[in-house]
Amino acid sequence: MKKIIAVLLVTTMTSLLSLRAQDPNFWIFLCIGQSNMEGHARPQSFDSFVNARFQVMSGVDCPELGRTKGHWYTATPPLCRCNTGLTPADYFGRVMVERLPANIRIGVIHVAIGGCKIELFDKDRNQAYIATAPDWMKGMIRAYDGDPYARLIELAKSAQKDGVIKGILMHQGESNTGDQTWPEQVKVVYDNIHDDLNLSYQILPLLAGEVVHAEQGGVCASMNEIIAKLPEVLPNAHVVSSRGCTDGPDNLHFDAAGYRTLGMRYAEKMLTILQP
């Protein structure tokens, strides 16, 4: 019996060790959502200056950028796909490396699709959703071999060999405006990510950004009332305010300055969670 117990203990410890990252000081964050996470604003020249401690794992092959899917690169924009723009994740990472000790590196894995509903990231419902998606969205989805969620998990599993997944950044909701079930749907996505990456040994915070506010003419501003309910359904969720983050003429997408401010707020919130 003692030998059996010893074998079980060794097996359990081996399994736990296999889940541990090579470098516990490489903190990795998963970035998901629709166009405001994908990046709708053009970066400016100064946005290209990035600390090498901030890295992005390319989600797709981008020969024109010298990037190959699944490899790490200094996180100069674009972070999502080859021709996307500035995102909240850009200045999230910059603030994180600025505020954290020099031995900490930050990595992001960025999978987002403009215009998508949260259903796109529900692995049990996404294929039915994709079947009815408009052709312009299907083109972006094809960049992830037809399954953005599966690509996210594929990349994240690879990244776990390099570092520790510390949290999820999400900006999504405009396409679900008025959908009172949105918080529950987000919880399903969160639970699937947690389980598919075997993250039962850690608490994983999820930060959800607000959409453009009503006082700025935000066309989806009513969604903020629903986003505010997310922590009631998912205790590990935290809402990031977008109040005062400047937006573009469509009153749907933030402008570059707005993304920078929003990204800084994501970082400030994450730092209070990870370093209370």
Protein backbone atom coordinates (compact mmCIF):
# COMPACT_ATOMS: atom_id res chain seq x y z
CA MET A 1 0.00 0.00 0.00
CA LYS A 2 2.82 2.40 0.88
CA LYS A 3 4.40 1.78 -2.52
CA ILE A 4 1.10 2.48 -4.27
CA ILE A 5 0.67 5.73 -2.34
CA ALA A 6 4.25 6.72 -3.15
CA VAL A 7 3.69 6.07 -6.85
CA LEU A 8 0.48 8.10 -6.79
CA LEU A 9 2.24 10.99 -5.06
CA VAL A 10 5.07 10.96 -7.58
CA THR A 11 2.60 10.81 -10.46
CA THR A 12 0.59 13.70 -9.02
CA MET A 13 3.68 15.82 -8.45
CA THR A 14 4.92 15.08 -11.96
CA SER A 15 1.58 16.16 -13.40
CA LEU A 16 1.66 19.38 -11.41
CA LEU A 17 5.23 20.11 -12.41
CA SER A 18 4.34 19.55 -16.06
CA LEU A 19 1.82 22.37 -15.72
CA ARG A 20 4.38 24.77 -14.34
CA ALA A 21 6.05 27.17 -16.66
CA GLN A 22 9.69 27.26 -17.55
CA ASP A 23 9.93 30.86 -16.42
CA PRO A 24 7.58 31.99 -13.62
CA ASN A 25 8.66 35.57 -14.30
CA PHE A 26 7.17 35.53 -17.80
CA TRP A 27 3.56 36.62 -17.25
CA ILE A 28 1.20 35.85 -20.13
CA PHE A 29 -2.23 37.33 -20.79
CA LEU A 30 -4.89 36.16 -23.24
CA CYS A 31 -6.60 38.96 -25.19
CA ILE A 32 -9.99 38.26 -26.77
CA GLY A 33 -12.92 40.22 -28.15
CA GLN A 34 -14.17 42.10 -31.16
CA SER A 35 -13.03 45.20 -33.04
CA ASN A 36 -12.08 47.36 -30.06
CA MET A 37 -9.75 44.57 -28.92
CA GLU A 38 -8.68 43.76 -32.46
CA GLY A 39 -7.52 47.35 -32.93
CA HIS A 40 -9.41 49.90 -35.01
CA ALA A 41 -7.04 52.90 -34.79
CA ARG A 42 -3.83 53.40 -36.71
CA PRO A 43 -0.74 53.50 -34.46
CA GLN A 44 1.49 56.55 -34.62
CA SER A 45 5.25 56.49 -35.12
CA PHE A 46 6.02 56.71 -31.40
CA ASP A 47 3.91 53.60 -30.76
CA SER A 48 6.64 51.55 -32.43
CA PHE A 49 9.04 52.11 -29.52
CA VAL A 50 8.45 49.14 -27.22
CA ASN A 51 10.44 47.63 -24.34
CA ALA A 52 11.63 44.16 -25.40
CA ARG A 53 10.30 42.80 -22.09
CA PHE A 54 6.83 43.17 -23.64
CA GLN A 55 6.23 40.37 -26.16
CA VAL A 56 3.44 39.08 -28.38
CA MET A 57 2.99 35.52 -29.63
CA SER A 58 1.89 35.84 -33.23
CA GLY A 59 -1.55 34.33 -33.76
CA VAL A 60 -1.15 34.05 -37.52
CA ASP A 61 1.65 34.02 -40.08
CA CYS A 62 2.57 37.56 -41.12
CA PRO A 63 5.47 37.35 -43.61
CA GLU A 64 5.32 41.10 -44.23
CA LEU A 65 6.02 41.65 -40.52
CA GLY A 66 8.56 38.84 -40.28
CA ARG A 67 6.31 36.92 -37.90
CA THR A 68 5.41 33.23 -37.79
CA LYS A 69 2.43 31.84 -35.92
CA GLY A 70 3.28 30.59 -32.44
CA HIS A 71 6.54 32.51 -32.04
CA TRP A 72 7.30 35.38 -29.68
CA TYR A 73 8.25 38.86 -30.88
CA THR A 74 8.71 42.29 -29.34
CA ALA A 75 5.16 43.65 -29.08
CA THR A 76 5.20 46.42 -31.67
CA PRO A 77 1.77 47.01 -33.19
CA PRO A 78 -0.14 45.40 -34.76
CA LEU A 79 -0.62 42.76 -32.06
CA CYS A 80 -3.67 40.97 -33.45
CA ARG A 81 -3.30 40.16 -37.15
CA CYS A 82 -1.09 41.50 -39.91
CA ASN A 83 -3.12 44.60 -40.80
CA THR A 84 -4.94 45.43 -37.59
CA GLY A 85 -4.34 48.53 -35.45
CA LEU A 86 -3.61 49.78 -31.97
CA THR A 87 -5.43 47.95 -29.17
CA PRO A 88 -5.87 48.26 -25.39
CA ALA A 89 -3.32 45.45 -25.07
CA ASP A 90 -0.56 47.69 -26.47
CA TYR A 91 -0.49 50.06 -23.53
CA PHE A 92 -1.52 47.40 -21.06
CA GLY A 93 1.80 45.66 -21.72
CA ARG A 94 3.82 48.86 -21.70
CA VAL A 95 2.50 49.94 -18.32
CA MET A 96 2.97 46.46 -16.88
CA VAL A 97 6.67 46.29 -17.74
CA GLU A 98 7.13 49.87 -16.58
CA ARG A 99 5.58 49.21 -13.16
CA LEU A 100 6.92 45.71 -12.51
CA PRO A 101 10.46 44.67 -11.52
CA ALA A 102 12.97 44.31 -14.35
CA ASN A 103 13.00 40.51 -14.06
CA ILE A 104 9.32 40.28 -15.05
CA ARG A 105 8.44 39.97 -18.73
CA ILE A 106 4.94 40.38 -20.14
CA GLY A 107 3.51 38.40 -23.04
CA VAL A 108 0.16 38.64 -24.80
CA ILE A 109 -1.70 36.19 -27.01
CA HIS A 110 -4.16 38.17 -29.07
CA VAL A 111 -7.15 36.62 -30.87
CA ALA A 112 -10.00 39.00 -31.76
CA ILE A 113 -12.51 39.33 -34.58
CA GLY A 114 -14.22 42.61 -35.47
CA GLY A 115 -18.00 42.53 -35.23
CA CYS A 116 -18.24 39.16 -33.52
CA LYS A 117 -20.64 38.19 -30.77
CA ILE A 118 -19.41 36.41 -27.66
CA GLU A 119 -20.78 33.21 -29.20
CA LEU A 120 -17.70 33.07 -31.45
CA PHE A 121 -15.60 32.13 -28.42
CA ASP A 122 -18.02 29.48 -27.10
CA LYS A 123 -16.46 26.26 -28.35
CA ASP A 124 -19.78 24.42 -28.27
CA ARG A 125 -21.68 27.05 -30.25
CA ASN A 126 -19.13 28.79 -32.43
CA GLN A 127 -19.48 26.67 -35.54
CA ALA A 128 -23.22 27.32 -35.69
CA TYR A 129 -22.51 31.02 -35.22
CA ILE A 130 -19.81 31.03 -37.91
CA ALA A 131 -22.18 29.38 -40.37
CA THR A 132 -24.43 32.44 -40.22
CA ALA A 133 -21.65 35.06 -40.04
CA PRO A 134 -21.31 37.62 -42.86
CA ASP A 135 -18.69 36.92 -45.53
CA TRP A 136 -16.44 39.79 -44.40
CA MET A 137 -16.23 38.23 -40.93
CA LYS A 138 -15.65 34.74 -42.29
CA GLY A 139 -12.54 36.03 -44.04
CA MET A 140 -11.06 37.08 -40.70
CA ILE A 141 -12.14 33.82 -39.09
CA ARG A 142 -10.35 31.86 -41.83
CA ALA A 143 -7.10 33.44 -40.67
CA TYR A 144 -7.49 31.22 -37.60
CA ASP A 145 -8.27 28.11 -39.66
CA GLY A 146 -11.97 28.64 -39.07
CA ASP A 147 -11.88 28.46 -35.27
CA PRO A 148 -10.48 31.44 -33.32
CA TYR A 149 -11.16 29.77 -29.97
CA ALA A 150 -9.22 26.65 -30.94
CA ARG A 151 -6.34 28.86 -32.12
CA LEU A 152 -6.37 30.73 -28.79
CA ILE A 153 -6.09 27.47 -26.87
CA GLU A 154 -3.43 26.10 -29.22
CA LEU A 155 -1.27 29.17 -28.74
CA ALA A 156 -1.89 29.31 -24.99
CA LYS A 157 -0.83 25.70 -24.52
CA SER A 158 2.36 26.43 -26.39
CA ALA A 159 2.92 29.55 -24.28
CA GLN A 160 2.58 27.54 -21.08
CA LYS A 161 5.94 25.98 -21.93
CA ASP A 162 7.47 29.45 -21.73
CA GLY A 163 5.66 31.26 -18.94
CA VAL A 164 2.63 31.50 -16.64
CA ILE A 165 -0.81 32.50 -17.86
CA LYS A 166 -1.86 35.22 -15.44
CA GLY A 167 -5.15 36.55 -16.78
CA ILE A 168 -7.57 37.36 -19.58
CA LEU A 169 -8.21 40.76 -21.14
CA MET A 170 -11.52 41.04 -22.95
CA HIS A 171 -13.18 43.82 -24.88
CA GLN A 172 -16.39 42.53 -26.37
CA GLY A 173 -20.05 43.35 -26.09
CA GLU A 174 -21.00 45.85 -28.77
CA SER A 175 -22.45 43.09 -30.95
CA ASN A 176 -24.34 41.68 -27.96
CA THR A 177 -25.89 45.01 -26.95
CA GLY A 178 -29.12 44.40 -25.06
CA ASP A 179 -28.41 40.70 -24.51
CA GLN A 180 -29.06 40.13 -20.81
CA THR A 181 -27.53 36.63 -21.04
CA TRP A 182 -24.12 38.07 -22.00
CA PRO A 183 -22.57 37.70 -18.50
CA GLU A 184 -23.53 34.03 -18.36
CA GLN A 185 -22.13 33.50 -21.86
CA VAL A 186 -18.84 35.11 -20.85
CA LYS A 187 -18.68 32.79 -17.85
CA VAL A 188 -19.04 29.78 -20.17
CA VAL A 189 -16.10 31.02 -22.26
CA TYR A 190 -14.05 31.71 -19.13
CA ASP A 191 -14.78 28.26 -17.68
CA ASN A 192 -13.83 26.58 -20.96
CA ILE A 193 -10.52 28.46 -21.13
CA HIS A 194 -9.81 27.62 -17.49
CA ASP A 195 -10.50 23.92 -18.05
CA ASP A 196 -8.91 23.56 -21.48
CA LEU A 197 -5.64 25.01 -20.16
CA ASN A 198 -5.72 22.98 -16.93
CA LEU A 199 -5.63 26.12 -14.81
CA SER A 200 -7.45 24.63 -11.83
CA TYR A 201 -4.40 25.29 -9.67
CA GLN A 202 -4.70 29.08 -9.95
CA ILE A 203 -7.18 31.94 -9.86
CA LEU A 204 -7.41 33.59 -13.26
CA PRO A 205 -8.68 37.19 -13.34
CA LEU A 206 -10.69 38.38 -16.32
CA LEU A 207 -10.79 42.09 -17.09
CA ALA A 208 -13.70 43.31 -19.22
CA GLY A 209 -13.58 46.81 -20.69
CA GLU A 210 -16.61 49.05 -21.02
CA VAL A 211 -17.79 50.29 -24.42
CA VAL A 212 -17.93 53.98 -25.44
CA HIS A 213 -20.00 55.89 -22.87
CA ALA A 214 -23.35 57.60 -23.45
CA GLU A 215 -22.08 61.11 -22.75
CA GLN A 216 -19.73 60.64 -25.73
CA GLY A 217 -22.60 59.48 -27.91
CA GLY A 218 -21.67 55.83 -27.67
CA VAL A 219 -24.02 53.90 -29.94
CA CYS A 220 -23.75 50.79 -27.75
CA ALA A 221 -23.50 52.60 -24.41
CA SER A 222 -26.44 50.74 -22.91
CA MET A 223 -24.27 47.61 -22.95
CA ASN A 224 -22.25 49.04 -20.06
CA GLU A 225 -25.15 48.27 -17.72
CA ILE A 226 -24.91 44.60 -18.72
CA ILE A 227 -21.12 44.53 -18.55
CA ALA A 228 -21.38 45.89 -14.99
CA LYS A 229 -23.24 42.72 -13.98
CA LEU A 230 -20.42 40.39 -15.05
CA PRO A 231 -18.73 40.20 -11.60
CA GLU A 232 -22.06 39.06 -10.13
CA VAL A 233 -21.88 35.98 -12.36
CA LEU A 234 -18.11 35.55 -12.49
CA PRO A 235 -16.37 36.54 -9.24
CA ASN A 236 -12.95 36.60 -10.92
CA ALA A 237 -14.15 39.26 -13.38
CA HIS A 238 -13.40 42.95 -13.01
CA VAL A 239 -14.82 45.80 -15.12
CA VAL A 240 -12.45 48.42 -16.56
CA SER A 241 -14.01 51.85 -17.02
CA SER A 242 -13.86 53.50 -20.42
CA ARG A 243 -15.34 56.77 -19.20
CA GLY A 244 -13.53 59.66 -20.86
CA CYS A 245 -11.58 57.43 -23.27
CA THR A 246 -11.77 59.35 -26.53
CA ASP A 247 -13.48 57.73 -29.48
CA GLY A 248 -13.76 58.06 -33.24
CA PRO A 249 -16.49 59.65 -35.37
CA ASP A 250 -18.53 56.44 -35.47
CA ASN A 251 -19.03 56.61 -31.67
CA LEU A 252 -18.36 52.88 -31.61
CA HIS A 253 -14.58 52.56 -31.74
CA PHE A 254 -12.06 54.31 -29.54
CA ASP A 255 -9.39 56.39 -31.23
CA ALA A 256 -5.67 55.82 -30.68
CA ALA A 257 -5.54 58.05 -27.60
CA GLY A 258 -8.59 56.26 -26.22
CA TYR A 259 -6.94 52.86 -26.67
CA ARG A 260 -3.84 54.07 -24.88
CA THR A 261 -5.84 55.32 -21.92
CA LEU A 262 -7.99 52.19 -21.79
CA GLY A 263 -4.92 49.96 -21.98
CA MET A 264 -3.32 51.82 -19.08
CA ARG A 265 -6.48 51.26 -17.05
CA TYR A 266 -6.42 47.54 -17.79
CA ALA A 267 -2.84 47.47 -16.49
CA GLU A 268 -3.62 49.46 -13.36
CA LYS A 269 -6.50 47.13 -12.54
CA MET A 270 -4.43 44.00 -13.19
CA LEU A 271 -1.59 45.28 -11.02
CA THR A 272 -3.96 45.81 -8.09
CA ILE A 273 -5.13 42.20 -8.49
CA LEU A 274 -1.73 40.55 -8.94
CA GLN A 275 0.12 42.79 -6.49
CA PRO A 276 -2.43 43.76 -3.83
